[in-house]
């Protein structure tokens, strides 16, 4: 696995979360975020089921720069 880090939440409180990576080998974004609470989970379920192999996580809007950089890197590299 070749994870390329794009940064942590600029306001992290020392627990190193949330974080954005790009897996350049698999062509996937990897996000570490806060677990969704039951209310958010229920709201997300209103659009369809969430498989056991997936999870809903939250990232703050202030991380848009890290997410945008990861998107730009994915588009500009051999990641497919």
N, C-alpha and C. Protein backbone atom coordinates (compact mmCIF):
# COMPACT_ATOMS: atom_id res chain seq x y z
N UNK A 1 0.84 -1.17 0.00
CA UNK A 1 0.00 0.00 0.00
C UNK A 1 0.89 1.24 0.00
N UNK A 2 0.53 2.21 -0.82
CA UNK A 2 1.30 3.44 -0.90
C UNK A 2 0.41 4.61 -0.51
N UNK A 3 0.26 4.83 0.78
CA UNK A 3 -0.57 5.93 1.24
C UNK A 3 0.21 7.24 1.18
N UNK A 4 -0.40 8.22 0.56
CA UNK A 4 0.18 9.55 0.47
C UNK A 4 -0.66 10.47 1.37
N UNK A 5 -0.05 11.04 2.36
CA UNK A 5 -0.77 11.86 3.33
C UNK A 5 -0.95 13.28 2.81
N UNK A 6 -2.16 13.80 3.01
CA UNK A 6 -2.45 15.18 2.64
C UNK A 6 -2.76 16.05 3.84
N UNK A 7 -2.69 15.48 5.01
CA UNK A 7 -2.78 16.30 6.20
C UNK A 7 -3.89 15.94 7.16
N UNK A 8 -3.70 16.47 8.32
CA UNK A 8 -4.66 16.30 9.42
C UNK A 8 -5.48 17.58 9.55
N UNK A 9 -6.53 17.48 10.30
CA UNK A 9 -7.36 18.64 10.62
C UNK A 9 -6.45 19.73 11.18
N UNK A 10 -6.45 20.93 10.59
CA UNK A 10 -5.56 21.98 11.08
C UNK A 10 -5.88 22.40 12.52
N UNK A 11 -7.02 22.01 13.02
CA UNK A 11 -7.37 22.34 14.40
C UNK A 11 -7.43 21.10 15.29
N UNK A 12 -6.69 20.06 14.91
CA UNK A 12 -6.71 18.83 15.70
C UNK A 12 -6.30 19.14 17.13
N UNK A 13 -6.89 18.41 18.04
CA UNK A 13 -6.58 18.64 19.46
C UNK A 13 -5.50 17.69 19.96
N UNK A 14 -4.73 17.14 19.05
CA UNK A 14 -3.64 16.25 19.43
C UNK A 14 -3.96 14.78 19.26
N UNK A 15 -5.22 14.46 18.90
CA UNK A 15 -5.56 13.05 18.71
C UNK A 15 -5.37 12.61 17.26
N UNK A 16 -4.78 13.50 16.44
CA UNK A 16 -4.41 13.19 15.05
C UNK A 16 -5.61 12.80 14.20
N UNK A 17 -6.69 13.47 14.38
CA UNK A 17 -7.89 13.14 13.64
C UNK A 17 -8.63 14.42 13.32
N UNK A 18 -9.30 14.51 12.25
CA UNK A 18 -9.36 13.65 11.07
C UNK A 18 -8.11 13.79 10.19
N UNK A 19 -7.99 12.88 9.24
CA UNK A 19 -6.83 12.84 8.35
C UNK A 19 -7.29 12.42 6.95
N UNK A 20 -6.58 12.90 5.92
CA UNK A 20 -6.87 12.57 4.53
C UNK A 20 -5.64 11.95 3.89
N UNK A 21 -5.83 10.80 3.21
CA UNK A 21 -4.77 10.14 2.45
C UNK A 21 -5.28 9.79 1.06
N UNK A 22 -4.35 9.47 0.17
CA UNK A 22 -4.65 8.92 -1.14
C UNK A 22 -3.85 7.64 -1.27
N UNK A 23 -4.53 6.53 -1.56
CA UNK A 23 -3.86 5.26 -1.83
C UNK A 23 -3.61 5.23 -3.33
N UNK A 24 -2.38 5.51 -3.72
CA UNK A 24 -2.05 5.63 -5.14
C UNK A 24 -2.03 4.30 -5.86
N UNK A 25 -1.80 3.21 -5.15
CA UNK A 25 -1.82 1.88 -5.78
C UNK A 25 -3.24 1.44 -6.12
N UNK A 26 -4.15 1.66 -5.19
CA UNK A 26 -5.53 1.20 -5.37
C UNK A 26 -6.42 2.27 -6.01
N UNK A 27 -5.94 3.52 -6.06
CA UNK A 27 -6.77 4.58 -6.61
C UNK A 27 -7.95 4.90 -5.71
N UNK A 28 -7.68 5.02 -4.40
CA UNK A 28 -8.75 5.26 -3.44
C UNK A 28 -8.37 6.37 -2.47
N UNK A 29 -9.36 7.15 -2.07
CA UNK A 29 -9.17 8.11 -1.00
C UNK A 29 -9.37 7.37 0.32
N UNK A 30 -8.62 7.76 1.33
CA UNK A 30 -8.76 7.17 2.66
C UNK A 30 -8.97 8.33 3.63
N UNK A 31 -10.06 8.24 4.40
CA UNK A 31 -10.40 9.28 5.35
C UNK A 31 -10.49 8.71 6.75
N UNK A 32 -9.88 9.39 7.69
CA UNK A 32 -10.07 9.09 9.11
C UNK A 32 -10.88 10.24 9.64
N UNK A 33 -12.01 9.94 10.26
CA UNK A 33 -12.86 11.00 10.78
C UNK A 33 -13.58 10.55 12.02
N UNK A 34 -14.45 11.41 12.48
CA UNK A 34 -15.24 11.09 13.66
C UNK A 34 -16.37 10.15 13.27
N UNK A 35 -16.66 9.19 14.10
CA UNK A 35 -17.77 8.28 13.86
C UNK A 35 -19.08 9.06 13.86
N UNK A 36 -19.96 8.67 12.96
CA UNK A 36 -21.28 9.29 12.92
C UNK A 36 -22.09 8.85 14.13
N UNK A 37 -22.84 9.78 14.70
CA UNK A 37 -23.72 9.41 15.80
C UNK A 37 -24.98 8.74 15.22
N UNK A 38 -25.82 8.25 16.09
CA UNK A 38 -27.00 7.50 15.64
C UNK A 38 -27.93 8.34 14.78
N UNK A 39 -28.09 9.62 15.10
CA UNK A 39 -28.97 10.48 14.32
C UNK A 39 -28.45 10.67 12.89
N UNK A 40 -27.16 10.93 12.75
CA UNK A 40 -26.58 11.09 11.41
C UNK A 40 -26.64 9.78 10.65
N UNK A 41 -26.33 8.69 11.32
CA UNK A 41 -26.40 7.37 10.70
C UNK A 41 -27.81 7.11 10.17
N UNK A 42 -28.81 7.41 10.97
CA UNK A 42 -30.20 7.20 10.56
C UNK A 42 -30.55 8.06 9.36
N UNK A 43 -30.09 9.31 9.37
CA UNK A 43 -30.36 10.19 8.23
C UNK A 43 -29.71 9.66 6.96
N UNK A 44 -28.49 9.18 7.06
CA UNK A 44 -27.80 8.61 5.91
C UNK A 44 -28.51 7.35 5.41
N UNK A 45 -29.03 6.57 6.32
CA UNK A 45 -29.74 5.34 5.94
C UNK A 45 -31.02 5.65 5.16
N UNK A 46 -31.52 6.87 5.25
CA UNK A 46 -32.73 7.21 4.51
C UNK A 46 -32.51 7.19 3.00
N UNK A 47 -31.25 7.25 2.56
CA UNK A 47 -30.97 7.18 1.13
C UNK A 47 -30.59 5.78 0.67
N UNK A 48 -30.44 4.85 1.60
CA UNK A 48 -30.11 3.47 1.27
C UNK A 48 -29.29 2.83 2.36
N UNK A 49 -29.11 1.51 2.27
CA UNK A 49 -28.39 0.79 3.32
C UNK A 49 -26.89 1.11 3.32
N UNK A 50 -26.28 0.91 4.46
CA UNK A 50 -24.83 1.04 4.60
C UNK A 50 -24.30 -0.36 4.88
N UNK A 51 -23.55 -0.96 3.94
CA UNK A 51 -23.04 -2.31 4.14
C UNK A 51 -22.16 -2.41 5.38
N UNK A 52 -22.08 -3.60 5.94
CA UNK A 52 -21.24 -3.83 7.12
C UNK A 52 -19.77 -3.50 6.86
N UNK A 53 -19.36 -3.50 5.60
CA UNK A 53 -17.96 -3.22 5.25
C UNK A 53 -17.69 -1.73 5.08
N UNK A 54 -18.71 -0.89 5.32
CA UNK A 54 -18.55 0.55 5.16
C UNK A 54 -18.97 1.27 6.43
N UNK A 55 -18.61 2.55 6.51
CA UNK A 55 -18.94 3.35 7.68
C UNK A 55 -19.19 4.79 7.25
N UNK A 56 -19.95 5.50 8.02
CA UNK A 56 -20.16 6.93 7.82
C UNK A 56 -19.23 7.66 8.79
N UNK A 57 -18.37 8.53 8.26
CA UNK A 57 -17.49 9.33 9.10
C UNK A 57 -17.71 10.79 8.76
N UNK A 58 -17.36 11.66 9.68
CA UNK A 58 -17.52 13.09 9.48
C UNK A 58 -16.16 13.75 9.41
N UNK A 59 -16.02 14.70 8.47
CA UNK A 59 -14.82 15.53 8.36
C UNK A 59 -15.26 16.98 8.39
N UNK A 60 -14.52 17.86 9.07
CA UNK A 60 -14.93 19.26 9.11
C UNK A 60 -14.66 19.96 7.77
N UNK A 61 -15.49 20.92 7.44
CA UNK A 61 -15.34 21.68 6.21
C UNK A 61 -13.98 22.36 6.14
N UNK A 62 -13.40 22.67 7.28
CA UNK A 62 -12.08 23.33 7.27
C UNK A 62 -11.00 22.45 6.65
N UNK A 63 -11.30 21.18 6.37
CA UNK A 63 -10.34 20.29 5.72
C UNK A 63 -10.47 20.27 4.21
N UNK A 64 -11.26 21.18 3.65
CA UNK A 64 -11.46 21.19 2.20
C UNK A 64 -10.13 21.30 1.46
N UNK A 65 -9.16 22.03 1.99
CA UNK A 65 -7.87 22.16 1.31
C UNK A 65 -7.18 20.81 1.18
N UNK A 66 -7.16 20.02 2.26
CA UNK A 66 -6.52 18.71 2.20
C UNK A 66 -7.26 17.78 1.24
N UNK A 67 -8.59 17.84 1.26
CA UNK A 67 -9.39 16.99 0.37
C UNK A 67 -9.18 17.42 -1.08
N UNK A 68 -9.16 18.73 -1.33
CA UNK A 68 -8.94 19.23 -2.69
C UNK A 68 -7.56 18.82 -3.20
N UNK A 69 -6.54 18.93 -2.36
CA UNK A 69 -5.19 18.52 -2.78
C UNK A 69 -5.14 17.04 -3.12
N UNK A 70 -5.83 16.21 -2.33
CA UNK A 70 -5.87 14.78 -2.62
C UNK A 70 -6.60 14.52 -3.94
N UNK A 71 -7.70 15.25 -4.19
CA UNK A 71 -8.42 15.11 -5.46
C UNK A 71 -7.55 15.53 -6.64
N UNK A 72 -6.86 16.64 -6.50
CA UNK A 72 -5.98 17.11 -7.57
C UNK A 72 -4.87 16.11 -7.85
N UNK A 73 -4.31 15.54 -6.80
CA UNK A 73 -3.25 14.54 -6.98
C UNK A 73 -3.79 13.29 -7.67
N UNK A 74 -5.00 12.88 -7.31
CA UNK A 74 -5.60 11.69 -7.95
C UNK A 74 -5.83 11.95 -9.43
N UNK A 75 -6.31 13.15 -9.77
CA UNK A 75 -6.57 13.46 -11.18
C UNK A 75 -5.29 13.62 -11.97
N UNK A 76 -4.23 14.10 -11.34
CA UNK A 76 -2.98 14.37 -12.05
C UNK A 76 -1.98 13.23 -12.03
N UNK A 77 -2.36 12.11 -11.45
CA UNK A 77 -1.42 10.98 -11.39
C UNK A 77 -1.97 9.80 -12.17
N UNK A 78 -1.30 8.71 -12.05
CA UNK A 78 -1.72 7.48 -12.73
C UNK A 78 -2.84 6.76 -11.97
N UNK A 79 -3.32 7.37 -10.91
CA UNK A 79 -4.38 6.74 -10.10
C UNK A 79 -5.64 6.65 -10.95
N UNK A 80 -6.23 5.46 -10.96
CA UNK A 80 -7.45 5.23 -11.76
C UNK A 80 -8.52 4.61 -10.91
